[in-house]
Amino acid sequence: MKKAVAIIGSGPSALMLSAKLDGHLFDVTVYEKNQATARKFLVAGQGGFNLTHSEPLAEFVRKYTPTALFEPLLAEFSNQDLIDWLHSIGIQTFEGSSKRIFPEKEIKPIQVLNAILTVVKSKKVTFQMKQTWLGWDKDMGLIFDCEGQRHLVKADIVVFALGGSSWKITGSDGLWSKAFEEKGINVQPFAPSNSAVKIDWPASFLALTEGKALKNIEISCLGKRKKGEVVITKFGLEGGVVYALSPEIREQIKKTGKANLEIDLKPEFSLTEIHRKLSNSRGTKSWTKHLQDQLRFDEIKMALLKNVLDKEVFMDPMRLSTCIKAFPLNIVHVAPLDEAISTAGGISLDEIDNKFQLRKLPGHYAIGEMLDWDAPTGGYLLQGCFTMGAVLANHLNSISPLVPAV
């Protein structure tokens, strides 16, 4: 007899789990509180649809916090495994200049979702929409509200894939945490990740640079370094380089109430090389013109140096060279939780075993962003969710009494 599986949530981890579960072994029902599936997946796709990243697995896994969680998971379902699976369901991909993996240019996010749903529905998975999970009754039945009407659901296996707490408009609100806390399950407070950072720019600087990119730089925080570019905004800074440093920024803010970044404006040159170039004779040139000629700085970097640094520092070759290699910026705070691309926090990892089962609730599993892990943008977040769904499906398929255990 088939086992009944209730999956609560319909994001990437839930859909991959549904697609990979053996339809001969399980009757699967997906419960979603929205009218449509995977809303955050579609919203995220509008801003550049990074499905995963093509870098070697040894480098890939280091993008995750904690790395130890993802090493065995990605060994079982890697970035290449995801690419191969997408190809098998008709979603062709290409590698961008940044090594990120995208659907072929004519393929829209909704088409990717529909291709996945086609696989899921071929497994006879049932979808129940407008189902808000409220918690458990005294017998561990699942309580749902559907447009004001409550009902109970019993299942042999329950999988929660309820998301984090950003982009509440998509349904990712984190309100599920209270029900878990009432069961004695440790839920870490949600914190913004992959979010903009607040910097109090001088008005003169913003007038020249707001909305423009600071390119070919390297930013460091607590010893971690990331190359790329960032966008200057009225709020502060945003972009992949800052997002990748989210764990380090959070750690500093948690300890001291603020965070410090250092920007290397010329990562291809050493401090000695920069100082030598600035010390060259400038003849009749102005100091600004000399600086531009020697270092080939664009107007954005020049505006940063001239409008943020003190004049005495700007005019001193040695002090200016030091700032060019380690331009200091103070982060006041990060963007609000709901404006973050993703969130850290959620169910503590020591509350689950190595196959995502909640230690205090046998037969109940949790996957996806509702767990306390973190990753940068660029395909890593999606890959992490898809991988969890695939690994859990493999596990459940293997332990079914209808097939030999592996």
Protein backbone atom coordinates (compact mmCIF):
# COMPACT_ATOMS: atom_id res chain seq x y z
CA MET A 1 0.00 0.00 0.00
CA LYS A 2 1.29 3.46 -0.90
CA LYS A 3 2.33 5.88 1.84
CA ALA A 4 0.65 9.28 2.01
CA VAL A 5 3.08 12.20 1.75
CA ALA A 6 2.02 15.76 2.59
CA ILE A 7 4.34 18.47 1.28
CA ILE A 8 3.60 21.92 2.68
CA GLY A 9 4.86 24.62 0.34
CA SER A 10 5.46 24.59 -3.41
CA GLY A 11 8.80 26.29 -3.97
CA PRO A 12 11.86 24.77 -5.69
CA SER A 13 12.73 22.29 -2.94
CA ALA A 14 9.13 21.04 -2.72
CA LEU A 15 8.76 20.74 -6.48
CA MET A 16 12.02 18.85 -6.89
CA LEU A 17 10.99 16.50 -4.09
CA SER A 18 7.63 15.94 -5.79
CA ALA A 19 9.29 15.33 -9.15
CA LYS A 20 11.75 12.81 -7.73
CA LEU A 21 9.48 10.81 -5.41
CA ASP A 22 8.48 7.41 -6.78
CA GLY A 23 4.83 7.56 -7.76
CA HIS A 24 4.53 3.79 -7.32
CA LEU A 25 5.45 4.12 -3.64
CA PHE A 26 3.77 7.34 -2.55
CA ASP A 27 0.53 9.27 -2.83
CA VAL A 28 1.79 12.85 -2.73
CA THR A 29 -0.24 15.96 -2.01
CA VAL A 30 1.24 19.46 -2.12
CA TYR A 31 -0.45 22.09 0.07
CA GLU A 32 0.14 25.71 -0.98
CA LYS A 33 -1.31 28.82 0.66
CA ASN A 34 -1.23 30.88 -2.53
CA GLN A 35 -3.44 30.45 -5.57
CA ALA A 36 -0.42 29.49 -7.68
CA THR A 37 2.80 27.55 -7.10
CA ALA A 38 6.34 28.86 -6.65
CA ARG A 39 5.61 32.59 -6.58
CA LYS A 40 9.02 33.56 -5.21
CA PHE A 41 10.69 31.38 -7.84
CA LEU A 42 8.92 33.35 -10.57
CA VAL A 43 9.54 36.76 -9.00
CA ALA A 44 13.23 35.99 -8.61
CA GLY A 45 13.37 34.92 -12.24
CA GLN A 46 12.33 38.37 -13.40
CA GLY A 47 15.64 39.83 -12.27
CA GLY A 48 17.95 37.44 -14.12
CA PHE A 49 17.23 33.74 -13.91
CA ASN A 50 20.36 32.08 -12.50
CA LEU A 51 19.47 28.40 -12.20
CA THR A 52 22.86 27.37 -10.86
CA HIS A 53 26.57 28.03 -11.40
CA SER A 54 29.11 26.09 -13.44
CA GLU A 55 32.18 26.31 -11.21
CA PRO A 56 33.89 23.10 -10.05
CA LEU A 57 32.17 21.40 -7.15
CA ALA A 58 35.10 21.93 -4.76
CA GLU A 59 34.74 25.70 -5.23
CA PHE A 60 30.96 25.60 -5.52
CA VAL A 61 30.39 24.06 -2.09
CA ARG A 62 32.47 26.74 -0.36
CA LYS A 63 29.84 29.33 -1.23
CA TYR A 64 27.48 27.79 1.33
CA THR A 65 27.26 28.56 5.03
CA PRO A 66 27.72 26.11 6.63
CA THR A 67 29.80 24.30 4.05
CA ALA A 68 29.66 21.05 6.04
CA LEU A 69 25.90 20.82 5.48
CA PHE A 70 26.20 20.96 1.71
CA GLU A 71 29.29 18.84 1.04
CA PRO A 72 27.43 15.49 1.19
CA LEU A 73 24.27 16.95 -0.36
CA LEU A 74 26.01 18.35 -3.43
CA ALA A 75 28.02 15.15 -3.78
CA GLU A 76 24.65 13.41 -4.25
CA PHE A 77 22.94 16.04 -6.43
CA SER A 78 25.40 18.56 -7.84
CA ASN A 79 25.15 21.60 -10.09
CA GLN A 80 25.91 19.37 -13.08
CA ASP A 81 23.21 16.94 -11.96
CA LEU A 82 20.71 19.80 -11.92
CA ILE A 83 21.77 20.95 -15.39
CA ASP A 84 21.44 17.40 -16.74
CA TRP A 85 18.01 17.00 -15.14
CA LEU A 86 16.78 20.30 -16.58
CA HIS A 87 17.95 19.20 -20.03
CA SER A 88 16.10 15.91 -19.57
CA ILE A 89 12.80 17.75 -19.03
CA GLY A 90 13.30 20.03 -22.03
CA ILE A 91 14.94 23.09 -20.44
CA GLN A 92 18.13 23.82 -22.33
CA THR A 93 20.68 26.05 -20.61
CA PHE A 94 23.72 28.15 -21.41
CA GLU A 95 26.69 29.39 -19.44
CA GLY A 96 26.99 33.16 -19.13
CA SER A 97 30.21 35.14 -19.03
CA SER A 98 30.04 35.03 -15.22
CA LYS A 99 29.89 31.21 -15.34
CA ARG A 100 26.28 31.34 -14.15
CA ILE A 101 23.82 28.95 -15.75
CA PHE A 102 20.67 30.39 -17.36
CA PRO A 103 17.83 28.92 -19.39
CA GLU A 104 18.27 29.48 -23.12
CA LYS A 105 17.39 33.09 -23.90
CA GLU A 106 13.95 32.37 -25.32
CA ILE A 107 12.90 30.33 -22.27
CA LYS A 108 11.00 32.33 -19.65
CA PRO A 109 10.80 31.53 -15.90
CA ILE A 110 7.18 30.41 -16.27
CA GLN A 111 8.25 27.91 -18.93
CA VAL A 112 10.84 26.43 -16.57
CA LEU A 113 8.21 26.16 -13.86
CA ASN A 114 5.71 24.57 -16.24
CA ALA A 115 8.28 22.00 -17.37
CA ILE A 116 8.89 21.03 -13.74
CA LEU A 117 5.15 20.91 -13.04
CA THR A 118 4.64 18.63 -16.03
CA VAL A 119 7.03 16.13 -14.47
CA VAL A 120 5.39 16.49 -11.07
CA LYS A 121 1.88 15.99 -12.44
CA SER A 122 3.03 12.93 -14.38
CA LYS A 123 3.64 11.38 -10.95
CA LYS A 124 -0.06 11.92 -10.13
CA VAL A 125 0.82 14.47 -7.47
CA THR A 126 -2.23 16.35 -6.17
CA PHE A 127 -2.13 20.11 -5.53
CA GLN A 128 -4.33 21.73 -2.91
CA MET A 129 -4.24 25.54 -3.20
CA LYS A 130 -5.19 28.30 -0.77
CA GLN A 131 -4.18 26.05 2.10
CA THR A 132 -2.58 27.89 5.00
CA TRP A 133 -0.92 25.56 7.50
CA LEU A 134 -1.71 26.58 11.09
CA GLY A 135 0.01 23.85 13.11
CA TRP A 136 -0.91 20.46 14.61
CA ASP A 137 -3.84 19.20 16.61
CA LYS A 138 -3.32 17.10 19.78
CA ASP A 139 -2.93 13.95 17.67
CA MET A 140 -0.36 15.53 15.34
CA GLY A 141 -2.86 16.01 12.55
CA LEU A 142 -2.08 18.92 10.25
CA ILE A 143 -4.44 21.87 10.62
CA PHE A 144 -5.13 23.88 7.47
CA ASP A 145 -7.26 26.93 6.81
CA CYS A 146 -8.82 27.24 3.34
CA GLU A 147 -10.62 30.53 2.87
CA GLY A 148 -11.86 30.60 6.45
CA GLN A 149 -12.65 26.88 6.74
CA ARG A 150 -10.40 24.68 8.86
CA HIS A 151 -9.76 21.01 8.19
CA LEU A 152 -7.38 18.27 9.29
CA VAL A 153 -4.95 16.23 7.20
CA LYS A 154 -3.26 13.00 8.21
CA ALA A 155 -0.18 11.74 6.37
CA ASP A 156 2.44 9.04 6.87
CA ILE A 157 5.21 11.45 5.94
CA VAL A 158 5.11 15.24 6.30
CA VAL A 159 7.59 17.52 4.56
CA PHE A 160 7.72 21.22 5.32
CA ALA A 161 9.09 23.52 2.61
CA LEU A 162 7.71 26.81 3.87
CA GLY A 163 10.48 29.19 2.86
CA GLY A 164 12.20 31.94 4.81
CA SER A 165 10.96 35.41 5.69
CA SER A 166 11.69 37.77 2.81
CA TRP A 167 9.47 39.01 -0.03
CA LYS A 168 6.30 38.51 2.01
CA ILE A 169 4.22 39.42 -1.03
CA THR A 170 5.13 35.98 -2.41
CA GLY A 171 3.95 34.24 0.77
CA SER A 172 7.41 33.82 2.30
CA ASP A 173 6.61 35.35 5.68
CA GLY A 174 8.14 33.02 8.28
CA LEU A 175 4.95 32.94 10.34
CA TRP A 176 5.27 29.15 10.54
CA SER A 177 8.05 29.53 13.13
CA LYS A 178 5.67 29.92 16.09
CA ALA A 179 4.14 26.45 15.59
CA PHE A 180 7.61 24.85 15.59
CA GLU A 181 8.73 26.79 18.65
CA GLU A 182 5.65 25.54 20.49
CA LYS A 183 6.93 22.00 19.82
CA GLY A 184 10.25 22.87 21.43
CA ILE A 185 12.09 23.18 18.12
CA ASN A 186 14.81 25.82 18.05
CA VAL A 187 14.16 28.43 15.36
CA GLN A 188 16.89 31.00 14.90
CA PRO A 189 15.71 34.58 14.31
CA PHE A 190 15.49 35.48 10.64
CA ALA A 191 18.09 37.91 9.34
CA PRO A 192 18.45 39.60 5.93
CA SER A 193 20.84 37.99 3.47
CA ASN A 194 21.79 39.03 -0.05
CA SER A 195 20.56 42.49 0.83
CA ALA A 196 21.60 46.07 0.25
CA VAL A 197 23.73 47.75 2.92
CA LYS A 198 23.18 51.22 4.33
CA ILE A 199 26.00 53.76 3.89
CA ASP A 200 25.64 57.46 4.63
CA TRP A 201 27.04 58.93 1.42
CA PRO A 202 27.84 62.63 1.10
CA ALA A 203 25.18 64.41 -0.96
CA SER A 204 27.86 65.63 -3.37
CA PHE A 205 28.88 62.06 -4.10
CA LEU A 206 25.32 60.81 -4.65
CA ALA A 207 24.57 63.67 -7.02
CA LEU A 208 27.30 62.34 -9.32
CA THR A 209 26.98 58.59 -8.89
CA GLU A 210 23.54 57.42 -7.75
CA GLY A 211 22.45 54.39 -9.75
CA LYS A 212 25.89 53.86 -11.27
CA ALA A 213 28.20 50.89 -10.89
CA LEU A 214 31.55 50.77 -9.17
CA LYS A 215 33.32 48.22 -11.37
CA ASN A 216 36.44 46.06 -11.29
CA ILE A 217 36.83 46.19 -7.53
CA GLU A 218 37.42 43.75 -4.70
CA ILE A 219 35.58 44.11 -1.40
CA SER A 220 36.72 42.47 1.83
CA CYS A 221 35.04 41.91 5.18
CA LEU A 222 36.49 39.90 8.08
CA GLY A 223 39.17 38.51 5.79
CA LYS A 224 36.78 37.28 3.07
CA ARG A 225 37.28 38.90 -0.34
CA LYS A 226 35.03 39.11 -3.38
CA LYS A 227 35.71 40.64 -6.81
CA GLY A 228 33.15 42.17 -9.12
CA GLU A 229 31.00 45.30 -9.05
CA VAL A 230 28.41 47.04 -6.91
CA VAL A 231 25.74 49.66 -7.58
CA ILE A 232 25.71 52.92 -5.65
CA THR A 233 22.27 53.84 -4.36
CA LYS A 234 20.75 56.48 -2.13
CA PHE A 235 20.47 53.76 0.51
CA GLY A 236 24.07 52.62 0.14
CA LEU A 237 25.38 49.71 -1.92
CA GLU A 238 23.79 46.70 -3.57
CA GLY A 239 24.95 43.94 -5.88
CA GLY A 240 26.46 40.49 -5.93
CA VAL A 241 29.79 41.43 -4.36
CA VAL A 242 28.10 42.83 -1.25
CA TYR A 243 25.56 40.00 -1.18
CA ALA A 244 28.35 37.41 -1.10
CA LEU A 245 29.67 38.98 2.12
CA SER A 246 26.31 38.81 3.92
CA PRO A 247 27.43 36.30 6.62
CA GLU A 248 30.48 38.40 7.51
CA ILE A 249 28.48 41.65 7.54
CA ARG A 250 25.84 40.07 9.79
CA GLU A 251 28.50 38.76 12.15
CA GLN A 252 30.06 42.20 12.57
CA ILE A 253 26.72 43.94 13.07
CA LYS A 254 25.67 41.33 15.63
CA LYS A 255 28.87 41.87 17.63
CA THR A 256 29.38 45.62 17.36
CA GLY A 257 26.21 47.13 15.89
CA LYS A 258 27.99 48.09 12.67
CA ALA A 259 30.20 46.60 9.98
CA ASN A 260 33.27 47.75 8.10
CA LEU A 261 34.10 47.07 4.47
CA GLU A 262 37.31 47.71 2.61
CA ILE A 263 37.23 48.25 -1.15
CA ASP A 264 40.28 47.62 -3.29
CA LEU A 265 39.74 50.03 -6.18
CA LYS A 266 42.68 48.65 -8.16
CA PRO A 267 43.03 44.95 -7.32
CA GLU A 268 45.40 44.28 -10.22
CA PHE A 269 48.06 46.60 -8.72
CA SER A 270 49.94 46.27 -5.44
CA LEU A 271 50.17 49.10 -2.94
CA THR A 272 53.80 49.63 -3.96
CA GLU A 273 52.90 49.86 -7.66
CA ILE A 274 50.14 52.38 -7.00
CA HIS A 275 52.38 54.53 -4.83
CA ARG A 276 55.12 54.45 -7.47
CA LYS A 277 52.70 55.53 -10.19
CA LEU A 278 51.31 58.37 -8.11
CA SER A 279 54.83 59.48 -7.24
CA ASN A 280 55.76 59.91 -10.90
CA SER A 281 56.27 63.46 -12.04
CA ARG A 282 53.01 65.07 -13.10
CA GLY A 283 54.51 68.17 -14.69
CA THR A 284 51.83 70.78 -15.27
CA LYS A 285 48.92 68.33 -14.87
CA SER A 286 46.46 68.75 -12.04
CA TRP A 287 46.57 66.12 -9.31
CA THR A 288 43.18 64.79 -10.47
CA LYS A 289 44.35 64.47 -14.07
CA HIS A 290 47.58 62.81 -12.95
CA LEU A 291 45.63 60.28 -10.90
CA GLN A 292 43.31 59.48 -13.80
CA ASP A 293 46.20 59.04 -16.23
CA GLN A 294 48.29 56.86 -13.95
CA LEU A 295 45.55 54.50 -12.76
CA ARG A 296 42.94 54.80 -15.54
CA PHE A 297 40.19 55.49 -13.03
CA ASP A 298 36.70 56.18 -14.32
CA GLU A 299 34.50 59.02 -13.11
CA ILE A 300 32.82 56.87 -10.44
CA LYS A 301 36.06 55.95 -8.70
CA MET A 302 37.29 59.52 -8.99
CA ALA A 303 34.08 60.80 -7.44
CA LEU A 304 34.48 58.34 -4.56
CA LEU A 305 38.01 59.52 -3.86
CA LYS A 306 37.29 63.24 -4.21
CA ASN A 307 33.95 63.39 -2.39
CA VAL A 308 34.33 60.85 0.40
CA LEU A 309 37.99 61.23 1.39
CA ASP A 310 39.34 64.25 3.25
CA LYS A 311 41.23 66.63 0.96
CA GLU A 312 44.45 66.09 2.91
CA VAL A 313 44.26 62.34 2.30
CA PHE A 314 43.35 62.80 -1.35
CA MET A 315 46.41 64.97 -1.98
CA ASP A 316 48.91 62.73 -0.14
CA PRO A 317 50.33 60.02 -2.47
CA MET A 318 51.06 57.49 0.28
CA ARG A 319 47.82 57.90 2.21
CA LEU A 320 45.82 57.98 -1.01
CA SER A 321 47.53 54.81 -2.25
CA THR A 322 46.60 53.08 0.99
CA CYS A 323 42.97 54.15 0.60
CA ILE A 324 42.86 53.00 -3.01
CA LYS A 325 43.90 49.51 -1.87
CA ALA A 326 41.67 49.52 1.21
CA PHE A 327 39.00 52.20 0.91
CA PRO A 328 37.10 52.11 4.23
CA LEU A 329 33.30 52.17 4.34
CA ASN A 330 31.11 51.96 7.41
CA ILE A 331 27.85 50.03 7.13
CA VAL A 332 25.19 51.54 9.34
CA HIS A 333 22.76 48.65 8.88
CA VAL A 334 21.35 46.39 6.18
CA ALA A 335 18.09 46.62 4.25
CA PRO A 336 14.88 45.52 6.02
CA LEU A 337 14.15 41.82 6.19
CA ASP A 338 11.35 41.92 3.64
CA GLU A 339 13.59 43.66 1.07
CA ALA A 340 16.31 41.01 1.27
CA ILE A 341 16.62 38.48 -1.54
CA SER A 342 16.89 35.68 1.00
CA THR A 343 17.14 35.13 4.73
CA ALA A 344 19.45 33.42 7.15
CA GLY A 345 17.93 31.96 10.30
CA GLY A 346 15.12 29.46 10.54
CA ILE A 347 15.09 25.96 11.99
CA SER A 348 18.42 25.26 13.64
CA LEU A 349 20.40 22.58 11.83
CA ASP A 350 20.91 20.58 15.01
CA GLU A 351 17.14 20.01 15.02
CA ILE A 352 17.35 17.79 11.91
CA ASP A 353 19.24 14.60 11.10
CA ASN A 354 21.36 14.12 7.98
CA LYS A 355 18.24 13.39 5.92
CA PHE A 356 16.27 16.47 7.08
CA GLN A 357 14.04 14.61 9.56
CA LEU A 358 13.13 16.65 12.63
CA ARG A 359 14.67 14.84 15.59
CA LYS A 360 11.77 15.75 17.88
CA LEU A 361 9.07 14.90 15.32
CA PRO A 362 9.67 11.52 13.62
CA GLY A 363 8.15 11.33 10.17
CA HIS A 364 8.35 15.11 9.76
CA TYR A 365 11.00 16.70 7.53
CA ALA A 366 12.05 20.27 6.72
CA ILE A 367 13.88 21.44 3.60
CA GLY A 368 14.67 24.63 1.72
CA GLU A 369 15.08 28.16 2.98
CA MET A 370 13.21 27.49 6.22
CA LEU A 371 16.41 25.86 7.52
CA ASP A 372 19.25 27.99 8.93
CA TRP A 373 21.71 28.12 6.03
CA ASP A 374 22.94 30.79 3.68
CA ALA A 375 24.31 31.21 0.15
CA PRO A 376 24.93 34.11 -2.25
CA THR A 377 22.96 34.89 -5.37
CA GLY A 378 24.17 33.61 -8.71
CA GLY A 379 22.40 30.25 -8.73
CA TYR A 380 23.58 28.99 -5.35
CA LEU A 381 20.29 29.62 -3.54
CA LEU A 382 18.22 27.78 -6.13
CA GLN A 383 20.73 24.96 -6.36
CA GLY A 384 20.65 24.53 -2.59
CA CYS A 385 16.87 24.20 -2.57
CA PHE A 386 16.74 21.86 -5.58
CA THR A 387 19.48 19.72 -4.05
CA MET A 388 17.66 19.32 -0.75
CA GLY A 389 14.51 18.20 -2.53
CA ALA A 390 16.39 15.68 -4.66
CA VAL A 391 18.37 14.24 -1.73
CA LEU A 392 15.28 13.84 0.44
CA ALA A 393 13.42 12.14 -2.44
CA ASN A 394 16.29 9.68 -2.88
CA HIS A 395 16.20 8.91 0.82
CA LEU A 396 12.45 8.40 1.03
CA ASN A 397 12.43 6.25 -2.10
CA SER A 398 15.18 4.07 -0.62
CA ILE A 399 13.54 3.47 2.78
CA SER A 400 10.07 2.61 1.51
CA PRO A 401 9.06 -0.85 2.71
CA LEU A 402 8.05 -1.65 -0.87
CA VAL A 403 11.68 -1.56 -2.02
CA PRO A 404 14.88 -2.89 -0.42
CA ALA A 405 16.62 -0.33 1.83
CA VAL A 406 19.90 1.01 0.47
